[in-house]
Amino acid sequence: MSNYDLKQLITMWQREKLTPEQAIGQVLLHLEALANRIGEMEKRTETRRRGQEKFE
């Protein structure tokens, strides 16, 4: 399944170019990408925090 950017996805939804199933699939793909990005940010934050604790 191709992953449309959010603005394009909203436009397609407004113009009724997506079925509800397609829209849900796209939203889930965006949610997965965001969850992955947040997870990576949390890892980097924890690594930095641990690095700072070593110097204190």
PDB file of N, CA and C in Angstrom:
ATOM      1  N   MET A   1       0.853  -1.180   0.000  1.00  0.00           N
ATOM      2  CA  MET A   1       0.000   0.000   0.000  1.00  0.00           C
ATOM      3  C   MET A   1       0.891   1.232   0.000  1.00  0.00           C
ATOM      4  N   SER A   2       0.638   2.146  -0.940  1.00  0.00           N
ATOM      5  CA  SER A   2       1.420   3.377  -0.959  1.00  0.00           C
ATOM      6  C   SER A   2       0.962   4.294   0.165  1.00  0.00           C
ATOM      7  N   ASN A   3       1.881   5.100   0.619  1.00  0.00           N
ATOM      8  CA  ASN A   3       1.615   5.985   1.742  1.00  0.00           C
ATOM      9  C   ASN A   3       1.600   7.427   1.233  1.00  0.00           C
ATOM     10  N   TYR A   4       0.433   8.036   1.191  1.00  0.00           N
ATOM     11  CA  TYR A   4       0.297   9.417   0.737  1.00  0.00           C
ATOM     12  C   TYR A   4       0.686  10.362   1.864  1.00  0.00           C
ATOM     13  N   ASP A   5       1.218  11.549   1.493  1.00  0.00           N
ATOM     14  CA  ASP A   5       1.485  12.515   2.554  1.00  0.00           C
ATOM     15  C   ASP A   5       0.149  13.011   3.108  1.00  0.00           C
ATOM     16  N   LEU A   6       0.188  13.542   4.311  1.00  0.00           N
ATOM     17  CA  LEU A   6      -1.039  13.856   5.036  1.00  0.00           C
ATOM     18  C   LEU A   6      -1.914  14.871   4.299  1.00  0.00           C
ATOM     19  N   LYS A   7      -1.303  15.905   3.736  1.00  0.00           N
ATOM     20  CA  LYS A   7      -2.087  16.913   3.023  1.00  0.00           C
ATOM     21  C   LYS A   7      -2.798  16.289   1.815  1.00  0.00           C
ATOM     22  N   GLN A   8      -2.089  15.454   1.089  1.00  0.00           N
ATOM     23  CA  GLN A   8      -2.670  14.775  -0.070  1.00  0.00           C
ATOM     24  C   GLN A   8      -3.792  13.832   0.372  1.00  0.00           C
ATOM     25  N   LEU A   9      -3.575  13.159   1.469  1.00  0.00           N
ATOM     26  CA  LEU A   9      -4.581  12.237   2.000  1.00  0.00           C
ATOM     27  C   LEU A   9      -5.866  12.968   2.370  1.00  0.00           C
ATOM     28  N   ILE A  10      -5.731  14.115   3.022  1.00  0.00           N
ATOM     29  CA  ILE A  10      -6.905  14.907   3.409  1.00  0.00           C
ATOM     30  C   ILE A  10      -7.662  15.384   2.170  1.00  0.00           C
ATOM     31  N   THR A  11      -6.913  15.840   1.173  1.00  0.00           N
ATOM     32  CA  THR A  11      -7.545  16.294  -0.073  1.00  0.00           C
ATOM     33  C   THR A  11      -8.307  15.155  -0.736  1.00  0.00           C
ATOM     34  N   MET A  12      -7.689  13.990  -0.790  1.00  0.00           N
ATOM     35  CA  MET A  12      -8.354  12.837  -1.399  1.00  0.00           C
ATOM     36  C   MET A  12      -9.620  12.471  -0.624  1.00  0.00           C
ATOM     37  N   TRP A  13      -9.554  12.528   0.682  1.00  0.00           N
ATOM     38  CA  TRP A  13     -10.720  12.204   1.508  1.00  0.00           C
ATOM     39  C   TRP A  13     -11.844  13.220   1.265  1.00  0.00           C
ATOM     40  N   GLN A  14     -11.486  14.505   1.224  1.00  0.00           N
ATOM     41  CA  GLN A  14     -12.491  15.542   0.995  1.00  0.00           C
ATOM     42  C   GLN A  14     -13.168  15.377  -0.359  1.00  0.00           C
ATOM     43  N   ARG A  15     -12.417  14.923  -1.341  1.00  0.00           N
ATOM     44  CA  ARG A  15     -12.967  14.745  -2.689  1.00  0.00           C
ATOM     45  C   ARG A  15     -13.574  13.356  -2.895  1.00  0.00           C
ATOM     46  N   GLU A  16     -13.656  12.617  -1.801  1.00  0.00           N
ATOM     47  CA  GLU A  16     -14.235  11.270  -1.817  1.00  0.00           C
ATOM     48  C   GLU A  16     -13.535  10.356  -2.815  1.00  0.00           C
ATOM     49  N   LYS A  17     -12.193  10.442  -2.843  1.00  0.00           N
ATOM     50  CA  LYS A  17     -11.372   9.602  -3.713  1.00  0.00           C
ATOM     51  C   LYS A  17     -10.837   8.379  -2.968  1.00  0.00           C
ATOM     52  N   LEU A  18     -11.194   8.248  -1.687  1.00  0.00           N
ATOM     53  CA  LEU A  18     -10.753   7.120  -0.862  1.00  0.00           C
ATOM     54  C   LEU A  18     -11.960   6.427  -0.246  1.00  0.00           C
ATOM     55  N   THR A  19     -11.890   5.123  -0.160  1.00  0.00           N
ATOM     56  CA  THR A  19     -12.914   4.399   0.592  1.00  0.00           C
ATOM     57  C   THR A  19     -12.578   4.533   2.079  1.00  0.00           C
ATOM     58  N   PRO A  20     -13.531   4.291   2.953  1.00  0.00           N
ATOM     59  CA  PRO A  20     -13.205   4.324   4.389  1.00  0.00           C
ATOM     60  C   PRO A  20     -12.071   3.360   4.745  1.00  0.00           C
ATOM     61  N   GLU A  21     -12.041   2.200   4.111  1.00  0.00           N
ATOM     62  CA  GLU A  21     -10.986   1.227   4.386  1.00  0.00           C
ATOM     63  C   GLU A  21      -9.618   1.758   3.976  1.00  0.00           C
ATOM     64  N   GLN A  22      -9.557   2.412   2.819  1.00  0.00           N
ATOM     65  CA  GLN A  22      -8.294   2.994   2.362  1.00  0.00           C
ATOM     66  C   GLN A  22      -7.845   4.103   3.306  1.00  0.00           C
ATOM     67  N   ALA A  23      -8.783   4.935   3.726  1.00  0.00           N
ATOM     68  CA  ALA A  23      -8.453   6.029   4.637  1.00  0.00           C
ATOM     69  C   ALA A  23      -7.922   5.487   5.957  1.00  0.00           C
ATOM     70  N   ILE A  24      -8.570   4.461   6.495  1.00  0.00           N
ATOM     71  CA  ILE A  24      -8.122   3.863   7.750  1.00  0.00           C
ATOM     72  C   ILE A  24      -6.722   3.282   7.574  1.00  0.00           C
ATOM     73  N   GLY A  25      -6.481   2.590   6.477  1.00  0.00           N
ATOM     74  CA  GLY A  25      -5.159   2.035   6.212  1.00  0.00           C
ATOM     75  C   GLY A  25      -4.099   3.118   6.157  1.00  0.00           C
ATOM     76  N   GLN A  26      -4.411   4.219   5.504  1.00  0.00           N
ATOM     77  CA  GLN A  26      -3.461   5.324   5.409  1.00  0.00           C
ATOM     78  C   GLN A  26      -3.191   5.949   6.780  1.00  0.00           C
ATOM     79  N   VAL A  27      -4.247   6.131   7.556  1.00  0.00           N
ATOM     80  CA  VAL A  27      -4.085   6.694   8.898  1.00  0.00           C
ATOM     81  C   VAL A  27      -3.213   5.773   9.745  1.00  0.00           C
ATOM     82  N   LEU A  28      -3.421   4.469   9.631  1.00  0.00           N
ATOM     83  CA  LEU A  28      -2.595   3.527  10.384  1.00  0.00           C
ATOM     84  C   LEU A  28      -1.127   3.587   9.961  1.00  0.00           C
ATOM     85  N   LEU A  29      -0.874   3.744   8.670  1.00  0.00           N
ATOM     86  CA  LEU A  29       0.507   3.885   8.208  1.00  0.00           C
ATOM     87  C   LEU A  29       1.158   5.138   8.782  1.00  0.00           C
ATOM     88  N   HIS A  30       0.414   6.236   8.821  1.00  0.00           N
ATOM     89  CA  HIS A  30       0.942   7.476   9.404  1.00  0.00           C
ATOM     90  C   HIS A  30       1.170   7.311  10.904  1.00  0.00           C
ATOM     91  N   LEU A  31       0.252   6.639  11.568  1.00  0.00           N
ATOM     92  CA  LEU A  31       0.387   6.402  13.001  1.00  0.00           C
ATOM     93  C   LEU A  31       1.621   5.549  13.295  1.00  0.00           C
ATOM     94  N   GLU A  32       1.832   4.527  12.496  1.00  0.00           N
ATOM     95  CA  GLU A  32       3.013   3.676  12.668  1.00  0.00           C
ATOM     96  C   GLU A  32       4.296   4.487  12.494  1.00  0.00           C
ATOM     97  N   ALA A  33       4.339   5.332  11.470  1.00  0.00           N
ATOM     98  CA  ALA A  33       5.525   6.157  11.227  1.00  0.00           C
ATOM     99  C   ALA A  33       5.775   7.104  12.408  1.00  0.00           C
ATOM    100  N   LEU A  34       4.719   7.701  12.926  1.00  0.00           N
ATOM    101  CA  LEU A  34       4.867   8.595  14.080  1.00  0.00           C
ATOM    102  C   LEU A  34       5.330   7.841  15.317  1.00  0.00           C
ATOM    103  N   ALA A  35       4.778   6.665  15.543  1.00  0.00           N
ATOM    104  CA  ALA A  35       5.186   5.857  16.697  1.00  0.00           C
ATOM    105  C   ALA A  35       6.667   5.494  16.598  1.00  0.00           C
ATOM    106  N   ASN A  36       7.120   5.163  15.402  1.00  0.00           N
ATOM    107  CA  ASN A  36       8.538   4.853  15.211  1.00  0.00           C
ATOM    108  C   ASN A  36       9.417   6.062  15.485  1.00  0.00           C
ATOM    109  N   ARG A  37       8.998   7.219  15.006  1.00  0.00           N
ATOM    110  CA  ARG A  37       9.784   8.441  15.234  1.00  0.00           C
ATOM    111  C   ARG A  37       9.833   8.783  16.721  1.00  0.00           C
ATOM    112  N   ILE A  38       8.716   8.650  17.410  1.00  0.00           N
ATOM    113  CA  ILE A  38       8.683   8.932  18.841  1.00  0.00           C
ATOM    114  C   ILE A  38       9.580   7.955  19.595  1.00  0.00           C
ATOM    115  N   GLY A  39       9.524   6.689  19.218  1.00  0.00           N
ATOM    116  CA  GLY A  39      10.375   5.692  19.854  1.00  0.00           C
ATOM    117  C   GLY A  39      11.847   6.013  19.690  1.00  0.00           C
ATOM    118  N   GLU A  40      12.241   6.442  18.498  1.00  0.00           N
ATOM    119  CA  GLU A  40      13.636   6.819  18.260  1.00  0.00           C
ATOM    120  C   GLU A  40      14.021   8.046  19.091  1.00  0.00           C
ATOM    121  N   MET A  41      13.126   9.008  19.191  1.00  0.00           N
ATOM    122  CA  MET A  41      13.403  10.201  20.001  1.00  0.00           C
ATOM    123  C   MET A  41      13.552   9.828  21.473  1.00  0.00           C
ATOM    124  N   GLU A  42      12.712   8.930  21.954  1.00  0.00           N
ATOM    125  CA  GLU A  42      12.806   8.496  23.347  1.00  0.00           C
ATOM    126  C   GLU A  42      14.132   7.795  23.615  1.00  0.00           C
ATOM    127  N   LYS A  43      14.574   6.965  22.676  1.00  0.00           N
ATOM    128  CA  LYS A  43      15.869   6.291  22.824  1.00  0.00           C
ATOM    129  C   LYS A  43      17.008   7.300  22.894  1.00  0.00           C
ATOM    130  N   ARG A  44      16.997   8.282  21.990  1.00  0.00           N
ATOM    131  CA  ARG A  44      18.062   9.302  21.992  1.00  0.00           C
ATOM    132  C   ARG A  44      18.043  10.113  23.277  1.00  0.00           C
ATOM    133  N   THR A  45      16.840  10.454  23.750  1.00  0.00           N
ATOM    134  CA  THR A  45      16.721  11.220  24.989  1.00  0.00           C
ATOM    135  C   THR A  45      17.279  10.420  26.163  1.00  0.00           C
ATOM    136  N   GLU A  46      16.951   9.152  26.231  1.00  0.00           N
ATOM    137  CA  GLU A  46      17.433   8.299  27.317  1.00  0.00           C
ATOM    138  C   GLU A  46      18.950   8.137  27.245  1.00  0.00           C
ATOM    139  N   THR A  47      19.483   7.983  26.047  1.00  0.00           N
ATOM    140  CA  THR A  47      20.937   7.863  25.879  1.00  0.00           C
ATOM    141  C   THR A  47      21.633   9.129  26.355  1.00  0.00           C
ATOM    142  N   ARG A  48      21.104  10.279  25.991  1.00  0.00           N
ATOM    143  CA  ARG A  48      21.697  11.553  26.436  1.00  0.00           C
ATOM    144  C   ARG A  48      21.595  11.705  27.943  1.00  0.00           C
ATOM    145  N   ARG A  49      20.449  11.326  28.506  1.00  0.00           N
ATOM    146  CA  ARG A  49      20.272  11.437  29.952  1.00  0.00           C
ATOM    147  C   ARG A  49      21.294  10.573  30.676  1.00  0.00           C
ATOM    148  N   ARG A  50      21.481   9.367  30.214  1.00  0.00           N
ATOM    149  CA  ARG A  50      22.458   8.467  30.839  1.00  0.00           C
ATOM    150  C   ARG A  50      23.874   9.003  30.688  1.00  0.00           C
ATOM    151  N   GLY A  51      24.158   9.613  29.532  1.00  0.00           N
ATOM    152  CA  GLY A  51      25.478  10.208  29.315  1.00  0.00           C
ATOM    153  C   GLY A  51      25.732  11.360  30.270  1.00  0.00           C
ATOM    154  N   GLN A  52      24.734  12.161  30.554  1.00  0.00           N
ATOM    155  CA  GLN A  52      24.882  13.300  31.459  1.00  0.00           C
ATOM    156  C   GLN A  52      25.056  12.813  32.902  1.00  0.00           C
ATOM    157  N   GLU A  53      24.392  11.715  33.260  1.00  0.00           N
ATOM    158  CA  GLU A  53      24.510  11.186  34.626  1.00  0.00           C
ATOM    159  C   GLU A  53      25.935  10.722  34.911  1.00  0.00           C
ATOM    160  N   LYS A  54      26.653  10.240  33.904  1.00  0.00           N
ATOM    161  CA  LYS A  54      28.030   9.775  34.089  1.00  0.00           C
ATOM    162  C   LYS A  54      28.957  10.920  34.483  1.00  0.00           C
ATOM    163  N   PHE A  55      28.644  12.130  34.044  1.00  0.00           N
ATOM    164  CA  PHE A  55      29.509  13.274  34.312  1.00  0.00           C
ATOM    165  C   PHE A  55      29.122  14.029  35.555  1.00  0.00           C
ATOM    166  N   GLU A  56      28.071  13.639  36.207  1.00  0.00           N
ATOM    167  CA  GLU A  56      27.619  14.363  37.403  1.00  0.00           C
ATOM    168  C   GLU A  56      28.210  13.756  38.645  1.00  0.00           C
TER     169      GLU A  56
END
